[in-house]
Amino acid sequence: MVLKPGVDFVDHVKGVRIQLIVLHLVLIVTNFVMHSTRIKNLTVKYSLTFIGMLAYIYVIIEIALIIYLSPYPSNSPNLATGGALIWFSVEMWAWYGIVISNTLFQGVRAMTGKLPLDL
């Protein structure tokens, strides 16, 4: 299967897998910076969070495209590709959980005017 001219599907899956690993590293650093009491600059903290969010959305879109175009993991050309496809499915379910959780949080906050823990 070919996604773009000159790019093999398995190579694209490998590239997105590496992007996902690097993204998780960036998000760990962002989380460390956000919760650090030694770093006082809010512009840096909010900028890193925003960049991390945009990068996560980009990678999730890449993963969604791969899941849409790929066969079942059991029909993958090799074990590594099948494992990456399963990992991508888990990432999509985690994304759905984040979206649903944030939607419920904002809904409770909008209905009550308070944070859920303050009820």
C-alpha atoms as a PDB file:
ATOM      1  CA  MET A   1       0.000   0.000   0.000  1.00  0.00           C
ATOM      2  CA  VAL A   2       1.335   3.443  -0.920  1.00  0.00           C
ATOM      3  CA  LEU A   3       0.371   6.626   0.924  1.00  0.00           C
ATOM      4  CA  LYS A   4       2.409   9.056  -1.129  1.00  0.00           C
ATOM      5  CA  PRO A   5       4.448   8.492  -4.278  1.00  0.00           C
ATOM      6  CA  GLY A   6       7.800   7.029  -3.316  1.00  0.00           C
ATOM      7  CA  VAL A   7       6.812   6.270   0.324  1.00  0.00           C
ATOM      8  CA  ASP A   8       6.063   2.694   1.334  1.00  0.00           C
ATOM      9  CA  PHE A   9       3.296   2.052   3.893  1.00  0.00           C
ATOM     10  CA  VAL A  10       5.577   0.141   6.280  1.00  0.00           C
ATOM     11  CA  ASP A  11       8.177   2.924   6.135  1.00  0.00           C
ATOM     12  CA  HIS A  12       5.470   5.499   6.854  1.00  0.00           C
ATOM     13  CA  VAL A  13       4.284   3.479   9.875  1.00  0.00           C
ATOM     14  CA  LYS A  14       7.869   3.329  11.155  1.00  0.00           C
ATOM     15  CA  GLY A  15       8.230   7.094  10.720  1.00  0.00           C
ATOM     16  CA  VAL A  16       5.001   7.854  12.577  1.00  0.00           C
ATOM     17  CA  ARG A  17       6.039   5.436  15.327  1.00  0.00           C
ATOM     18  CA  ILE A  18       9.260   7.408  15.787  1.00  0.00           C
ATOM     19  CA  GLN A  19       7.287  10.687  15.728  1.00  0.00           C
ATOM     20  CA  LEU A  20       5.066   9.316  18.484  1.00  0.00           C
ATOM     21  CA  ILE A  21       8.049   8.337  20.627  1.00  0.00           C
ATOM     22  CA  VAL A  22       9.637  11.781  20.194  1.00  0.00           C
ATOM     23  CA  LEU A  23       6.290  13.449  20.899  1.00  0.00           C
ATOM     24  CA  HIS A  24       5.947  11.579  24.183  1.00  0.00           C
ATOM     25  CA  LEU A  25       9.446  12.724  25.131  1.00  0.00           C
ATOM     26  CA  VAL A  26       8.510  16.334  24.330  1.00  0.00           C
ATOM     27  CA  LEU A  27       5.297  16.021  26.352  1.00  0.00           C
ATOM     28  CA  ILE A  28       7.244  14.653  29.342  1.00  0.00           C
ATOM     29  CA  VAL A  29       9.605  17.649  29.202  1.00  0.00           C
ATOM     30  CA  THR A  30       6.610  19.985  28.827  1.00  0.00           C
ATOM     31  CA  ASN A  31       4.955  18.412  31.848  1.00  0.00           C
ATOM     32  CA  PHE A  32       8.159  18.819  33.859  1.00  0.00           C
ATOM     33  CA  VAL A  33       8.416  22.494  32.884  1.00  0.00           C
ATOM     34  CA  MET A  34       4.734  23.173  33.627  1.00  0.00           C
ATOM     35  CA  HIS A  35       4.964  21.759  37.137  1.00  0.00           C
ATOM     36  CA  SER A  36       8.372  23.177  37.970  1.00  0.00           C
ATOM     37  CA  THR A  37       8.335  25.817  40.677  1.00  0.00           C
ATOM     38  CA  ARG A  38      11.769  27.028  39.585  1.00  0.00           C
ATOM     39  CA  ILE A  39      10.520  28.181  36.184  1.00  0.00           C
ATOM     40  CA  LYS A  40       8.400  31.276  36.727  1.00  0.00           C
ATOM     41  CA  ASN A  41       7.939  32.461  33.125  1.00  0.00           C
ATOM     42  CA  LEU A  42       4.303  31.706  32.265  1.00  0.00           C
ATOM     43  CA  THR A  43       4.831  32.574  28.599  1.00  0.00           C
ATOM     44  CA  VAL A  44       7.334  29.733  28.265  1.00  0.00           C
ATOM     45  CA  LYS A  45       5.054  27.341  30.133  1.00  0.00           C
ATOM     46  CA  TYR A  46       1.955  28.168  28.089  1.00  0.00           C
ATOM     47  CA  SER A  47       3.882  28.211  24.806  1.00  0.00           C
ATOM     48  CA  LEU A  48       5.302  24.746  25.458  1.00  0.00           C
ATOM     49  CA  THR A  49       1.846  23.454  26.323  1.00  0.00           C
ATOM     50  CA  PHE A  50       0.359  24.932  23.153  1.00  0.00           C
ATOM     51  CA  ILE A  51       3.150  23.542  20.957  1.00  0.00           C
ATOM     52  CA  GLY A  52       2.774  20.131  22.605  1.00  0.00           C
ATOM     53  CA  MET A  53      -0.975  20.187  21.979  1.00  0.00           C
ATOM     54  CA  LEU A  54      -0.515  21.058  18.293  1.00  0.00           C
ATOM     55  CA  ALA A  55       2.141  18.369  17.867  1.00  0.00           C
ATOM     56  CA  TYR A  56      -0.124  15.796  19.524  1.00  0.00           C
ATOM     57  CA  ILE A  57      -3.005  16.715  17.222  1.00  0.00           C
ATOM     58  CA  TYR A  58      -0.716  16.379  14.179  1.00  0.00           C
ATOM     59  CA  VAL A  59       0.481  12.936  15.245  1.00  0.00           C
ATOM     60  CA  ILE A  60      -3.076  11.802  16.066  1.00  0.00           C
ATOM     61  CA  ILE A  61      -4.165  12.836  12.564  1.00  0.00           C
ATOM     62  CA  GLU A  62      -1.275  10.823  11.084  1.00  0.00           C
ATOM     63  CA  ILE A  63      -2.259   7.844  13.235  1.00  0.00           C
ATOM     64  CA  ALA A  64      -5.908   8.135  12.205  1.00  0.00           C
ATOM     65  CA  LEU A  65      -4.871   8.123   8.548  1.00  0.00           C
ATOM     66  CA  ILE A  66      -2.746   5.021   9.053  1.00  0.00           C
ATOM     67  CA  ILE A  67      -5.549   3.232  10.916  1.00  0.00           C
ATOM     68  CA  TYR A  68      -8.002   4.184   8.158  1.00  0.00           C
ATOM     69  CA  LEU A  69      -5.745   2.919   5.357  1.00  0.00           C
ATOM     70  CA  SER A  70      -4.270  -0.124   7.070  1.00  0.00           C
ATOM     71  CA  PRO A  71      -5.466  -3.693   7.213  1.00  0.00           C
ATOM     72  CA  TYR A  72      -6.067  -5.442  10.517  1.00  0.00           C
ATOM     73  CA  PRO A  73      -2.876  -5.888  12.558  1.00  0.00           C
ATOM     74  CA  SER A  74      -3.125  -9.658  12.031  1.00  0.00           C
ATOM     75  CA  ASN A  75      -2.862  -9.054   8.256  1.00  0.00           C
ATOM     76  CA  SER A  76       0.248  -6.869   8.551  1.00  0.00           C
ATOM     77  CA  PRO A  77       3.313  -7.702   6.485  1.00  0.00           C
ATOM     78  CA  ASN A  78       5.407  -8.283   9.635  1.00  0.00           C
ATOM     79  CA  LEU A  79       5.142  -8.404  13.412  1.00  0.00           C
ATOM     80  CA  ALA A  80       6.649  -4.945  13.985  1.00  0.00           C
ATOM     81  CA  THR A  81       4.065  -3.277  11.742  1.00  0.00           C
ATOM     82  CA  GLY A  82       1.244  -5.215  13.417  1.00  0.00           C
ATOM     83  CA  GLY A  83       2.514  -4.154  16.832  1.00  0.00           C
ATOM     84  CA  ALA A  84       2.723  -0.529  15.726  1.00  0.00           C
ATOM     85  CA  LEU A  85      -0.861  -0.678  14.418  1.00  0.00           C
ATOM     86  CA  ILE A  86      -2.078  -2.042  17.767  1.00  0.00           C
ATOM     87  CA  TRP A  87      -0.150   0.706  19.570  1.00  0.00           C
ATOM     88  CA  PHE A  88      -1.734   3.289  17.272  1.00  0.00           C
ATOM     89  CA  SER A  89      -5.190   1.921  18.097  1.00  0.00           C
ATOM     90  CA  VAL A  90      -4.437   2.305  21.816  1.00  0.00           C
ATOM     91  CA  GLU A  91      -3.290   5.887  21.176  1.00  0.00           C
ATOM     92  CA  MET A  92      -6.569   6.633  19.387  1.00  0.00           C
ATOM     93  CA  TRP A  93      -8.606   5.242  22.299  1.00  0.00           C
ATOM     94  CA  ALA A  94      -6.520   7.349  24.699  1.00  0.00           C
ATOM     95  CA  TRP A  95      -7.259  10.382  22.499  1.00  0.00           C
ATOM     96  CA  TYR A  96     -10.982   9.601  22.606  1.00  0.00           C
ATOM     97  CA  GLY A  97     -10.746   9.349  26.400  1.00  0.00           C
ATOM     98  CA  ILE A  98      -9.041  12.732  26.634  1.00  0.00           C
ATOM     99  CA  VAL A  99     -11.649  14.382  24.417  1.00  0.00           C
ATOM    100  CA  ILE A 100     -14.593  12.812  26.297  1.00  0.00           C
ATOM    101  CA  SER A 101     -13.068  13.656  29.681  1.00  0.00           C
ATOM    102  CA  ASN A 102     -12.480  17.281  28.719  1.00  0.00           C
ATOM    103  CA  THR A 103     -15.976  17.556  27.247  1.00  0.00           C
ATOM    104  CA  LEU A 104     -17.559  16.232  30.443  1.00  0.00           C
ATOM    105  CA  PHE A 105     -15.391  18.528  32.560  1.00  0.00           C
ATOM    106  CA  GLN A 106     -16.375  21.580  30.534  1.00  0.00           C
ATOM    107  CA  GLY A 107     -20.040  20.504  30.575  1.00  0.00           C
ATOM    108  CA  VAL A 108     -20.139  20.151  34.367  1.00  0.00           C
ATOM    109  CA  ARG A 109     -18.299  23.437  34.734  1.00  0.00           C
ATOM    110  CA  ALA A 110     -20.702  25.213  32.374  1.00  0.00           C
ATOM    111  CA  MET A 111     -23.817  23.820  34.101  1.00  0.00           C
ATOM    112  CA  THR A 112     -22.711  24.525  37.663  1.00  0.00           C
ATOM    113  CA  GLY A 113     -20.329  27.436  37.287  1.00  0.00           C
ATOM    114  CA  LYS A 114     -17.855  25.539  39.497  1.00  0.00           C
ATOM    115  CA  LEU A 115     -15.050  23.083  39.013  1.00  0.00           C
ATOM    116  CA  PRO A 116     -16.173  19.444  39.480  1.00  0.00           C
ATOM    117  CA  LEU A 117     -14.070  19.024  42.622  1.00  0.00           C
ATOM    118  CA  ASP A 118     -15.676  22.068  44.245  1.00  0.00           C
ATOM    119  CA  LEU A 119     -19.187  20.613  44.093  1.00  0.00           C
END
